[in-house]
């Protein structure tokens, strides 16, 4: 689990996703940072065991705004 502190363009195009996963989110109140968005992804359908939390990222308000800007610029 990690609070994202920076979000910058990477180099190279990467590769397409190998599988799809489900995700959940919750909004938590942090006394020092305000609201935090926590996104949890769960293992893909190819996983042999039942799905369990796989990746967790957390965004504070400032980073959420930056992500929205990136999404608008790159995808929307």
C-alpha atoms as a PDB file:
ATOM      1  CA  UNK A   1       0.000   0.000   0.000  1.00  0.00           C
ATOM      2  CA  UNK A   2       1.485   3.342  -0.961  1.00  0.00           C
ATOM      3  CA  UNK A   3       0.451   6.983  -1.138  1.00  0.00           C
ATOM      4  CA  UNK A   4       1.485   8.277  -4.553  1.00  0.00           C
ATOM      5  CA  UNK A   5       3.702  11.335  -4.069  1.00  0.00           C
ATOM      6  CA  UNK A   6       4.536  12.114  -7.702  1.00  0.00           C
ATOM      7  CA  UNK A   7       3.121  11.354 -11.133  1.00  0.00           C
ATOM      8  CA  UNK A   8       5.274  12.104 -14.160  1.00  0.00           C
ATOM      9  CA  UNK A   9       5.261  10.823 -17.755  1.00  0.00           C
ATOM     10  CA  UNK A  10       7.329   7.685 -18.243  1.00  0.00           C
ATOM     11  CA  UNK A  11       9.570   6.848 -21.176  1.00  0.00           C
ATOM     12  CA  UNK A  12       8.566   4.270 -23.738  1.00  0.00           C
ATOM     13  CA  UNK A  13       5.158   2.955 -24.607  1.00  0.00           C
ATOM     14  CA  UNK A  14       5.069  -0.071 -22.342  1.00  0.00           C
ATOM     15  CA  UNK A  15       2.992  -3.081 -23.323  1.00  0.00           C
ATOM     16  CA  UNK A  16      -0.740  -3.749 -23.468  1.00  0.00           C
ATOM     17  CA  UNK A  17      -2.348  -5.313 -20.373  1.00  0.00           C
ATOM     18  CA  UNK A  18      -2.160  -9.110 -20.207  1.00  0.00           C
ATOM     19  CA  UNK A  19      -5.398  -9.480 -18.248  1.00  0.00           C
ATOM     20  CA  UNK A  20      -8.241  -7.569 -16.654  1.00  0.00           C
ATOM     21  CA  UNK A  21      -8.900  -7.270 -12.919  1.00  0.00           C
ATOM     22  CA  UNK A  22     -11.639  -5.965 -10.665  1.00  0.00           C
ATOM     23  CA  UNK A  23     -11.075  -3.075  -8.269  1.00  0.00           C
ATOM     24  CA  UNK A  24     -12.721  -1.405  -5.304  1.00  0.00           C
ATOM     25  CA  UNK A  25     -12.233   2.030  -3.808  1.00  0.00           C
ATOM     26  CA  UNK A  26     -12.840   3.700  -0.467  1.00  0.00           C
ATOM     27  CA  UNK A  27     -12.388   7.278   0.688  1.00  0.00           C
ATOM     28  CA  UNK A  28     -10.747   7.664   4.094  1.00  0.00           C
ATOM     29  CA  UNK A  29     -10.237  10.735   6.264  1.00  0.00           C
ATOM     30  CA  UNK A  30      -6.615  11.257   7.292  1.00  0.00           C
ATOM     31  CA  UNK A  31      -6.145  13.817  10.088  1.00  0.00           C
ATOM     32  CA  UNK A  32      -2.961  15.143   8.446  1.00  0.00           C
ATOM     33  CA  UNK A  33      -3.694  14.850   4.706  1.00  0.00           C
ATOM     34  CA  UNK A  34      -7.479  15.174   4.472  1.00  0.00           C
ATOM     35  CA  UNK A  35      -9.384  12.754   2.291  1.00  0.00           C
ATOM     36  CA  UNK A  36      -7.451   9.837   0.784  1.00  0.00           C
ATOM     37  CA  UNK A  37      -8.740   7.719  -2.110  1.00  0.00           C
ATOM     38  CA  UNK A  38      -7.646   4.084  -1.748  1.00  0.00           C
ATOM     39  CA  UNK A  39      -7.922   1.862  -4.848  1.00  0.00           C
ATOM     40  CA  UNK A  40      -7.441  -1.893  -4.453  1.00  0.00           C
ATOM     41  CA  UNK A  41      -7.135  -4.267  -7.408  1.00  0.00           C
ATOM     42  CA  UNK A  42      -7.808  -7.984  -7.130  1.00  0.00           C
ATOM     43  CA  UNK A  43      -6.085 -10.903  -8.835  1.00  0.00           C
ATOM     44  CA  UNK A  44      -7.033 -11.733 -12.408  1.00  0.00           C
ATOM     45  CA  UNK A  45      -9.333 -14.569 -13.458  1.00  0.00           C
ATOM     46  CA  UNK A  46      -6.195 -16.557 -14.378  1.00  0.00           C
ATOM     47  CA  UNK A  47      -5.173 -16.731 -10.701  1.00  0.00           C
ATOM     48  CA  UNK A  48      -5.525 -20.260  -9.355  1.00  0.00           C
ATOM     49  CA  UNK A  49      -6.707 -19.196  -5.901  1.00  0.00           C
ATOM     50  CA  UNK A  50      -9.758 -17.043  -5.361  1.00  0.00           C
ATOM     51  CA  UNK A  51      -9.226 -13.325  -5.971  1.00  0.00           C
ATOM     52  CA  UNK A  52      -7.414 -11.467  -3.209  1.00  0.00           C
ATOM     53  CA  UNK A  53      -6.051  -7.922  -2.957  1.00  0.00           C
ATOM     54  CA  UNK A  54      -3.159  -7.521  -5.368  1.00  0.00           C
ATOM     55  CA  UNK A  55      -2.203  -3.847  -5.740  1.00  0.00           C
ATOM     56  CA  UNK A  56      -3.215  -0.897  -3.543  1.00  0.00           C
ATOM     57  CA  UNK A  57      -2.601   2.752  -4.344  1.00  0.00           C
ATOM     58  CA  UNK A  58      -3.646   5.815  -2.395  1.00  0.00           C
ATOM     59  CA  UNK A  59      -4.150   9.370  -3.634  1.00  0.00           C
ATOM     60  CA  UNK A  60      -4.507  12.530  -1.588  1.00  0.00           C
ATOM     61  CA  UNK A  61      -6.503  15.452  -2.975  1.00  0.00           C
ATOM     62  CA  UNK A  62      -3.560  17.084  -4.743  1.00  0.00           C
ATOM     63  CA  UNK A  63      -2.490  13.886  -6.484  1.00  0.00           C
ATOM     64  CA  UNK A  64      -6.097  13.064  -7.379  1.00  0.00           C
ATOM     65  CA  UNK A  65      -6.360  16.448  -9.118  1.00  0.00           C
ATOM     66  CA  UNK A  66      -3.140  15.741 -11.008  1.00  0.00           C
ATOM     67  CA  UNK A  67      -4.433  12.317 -12.078  1.00  0.00           C
ATOM     68  CA  UNK A  68      -7.682  13.906 -13.304  1.00  0.00           C
ATOM     69  CA  UNK A  69      -5.612  16.368 -15.371  1.00  0.00           C
ATOM     70  CA  UNK A  70      -3.607  13.490 -16.886  1.00  0.00           C
ATOM     71  CA  UNK A  71      -6.784  11.525 -17.660  1.00  0.00           C
ATOM     72  CA  UNK A  72      -8.386  14.544 -19.350  1.00  0.00           C
ATOM     73  CA  UNK A  73      -5.267  15.264 -21.391  1.00  0.00           C
ATOM     74  CA  UNK A  74      -4.407  11.685 -22.374  1.00  0.00           C
ATOM     75  CA  UNK A  75      -7.664   9.715 -22.526  1.00  0.00           C
ATOM     76  CA  UNK A  76     -10.744  11.944 -22.568  1.00  0.00           C
END
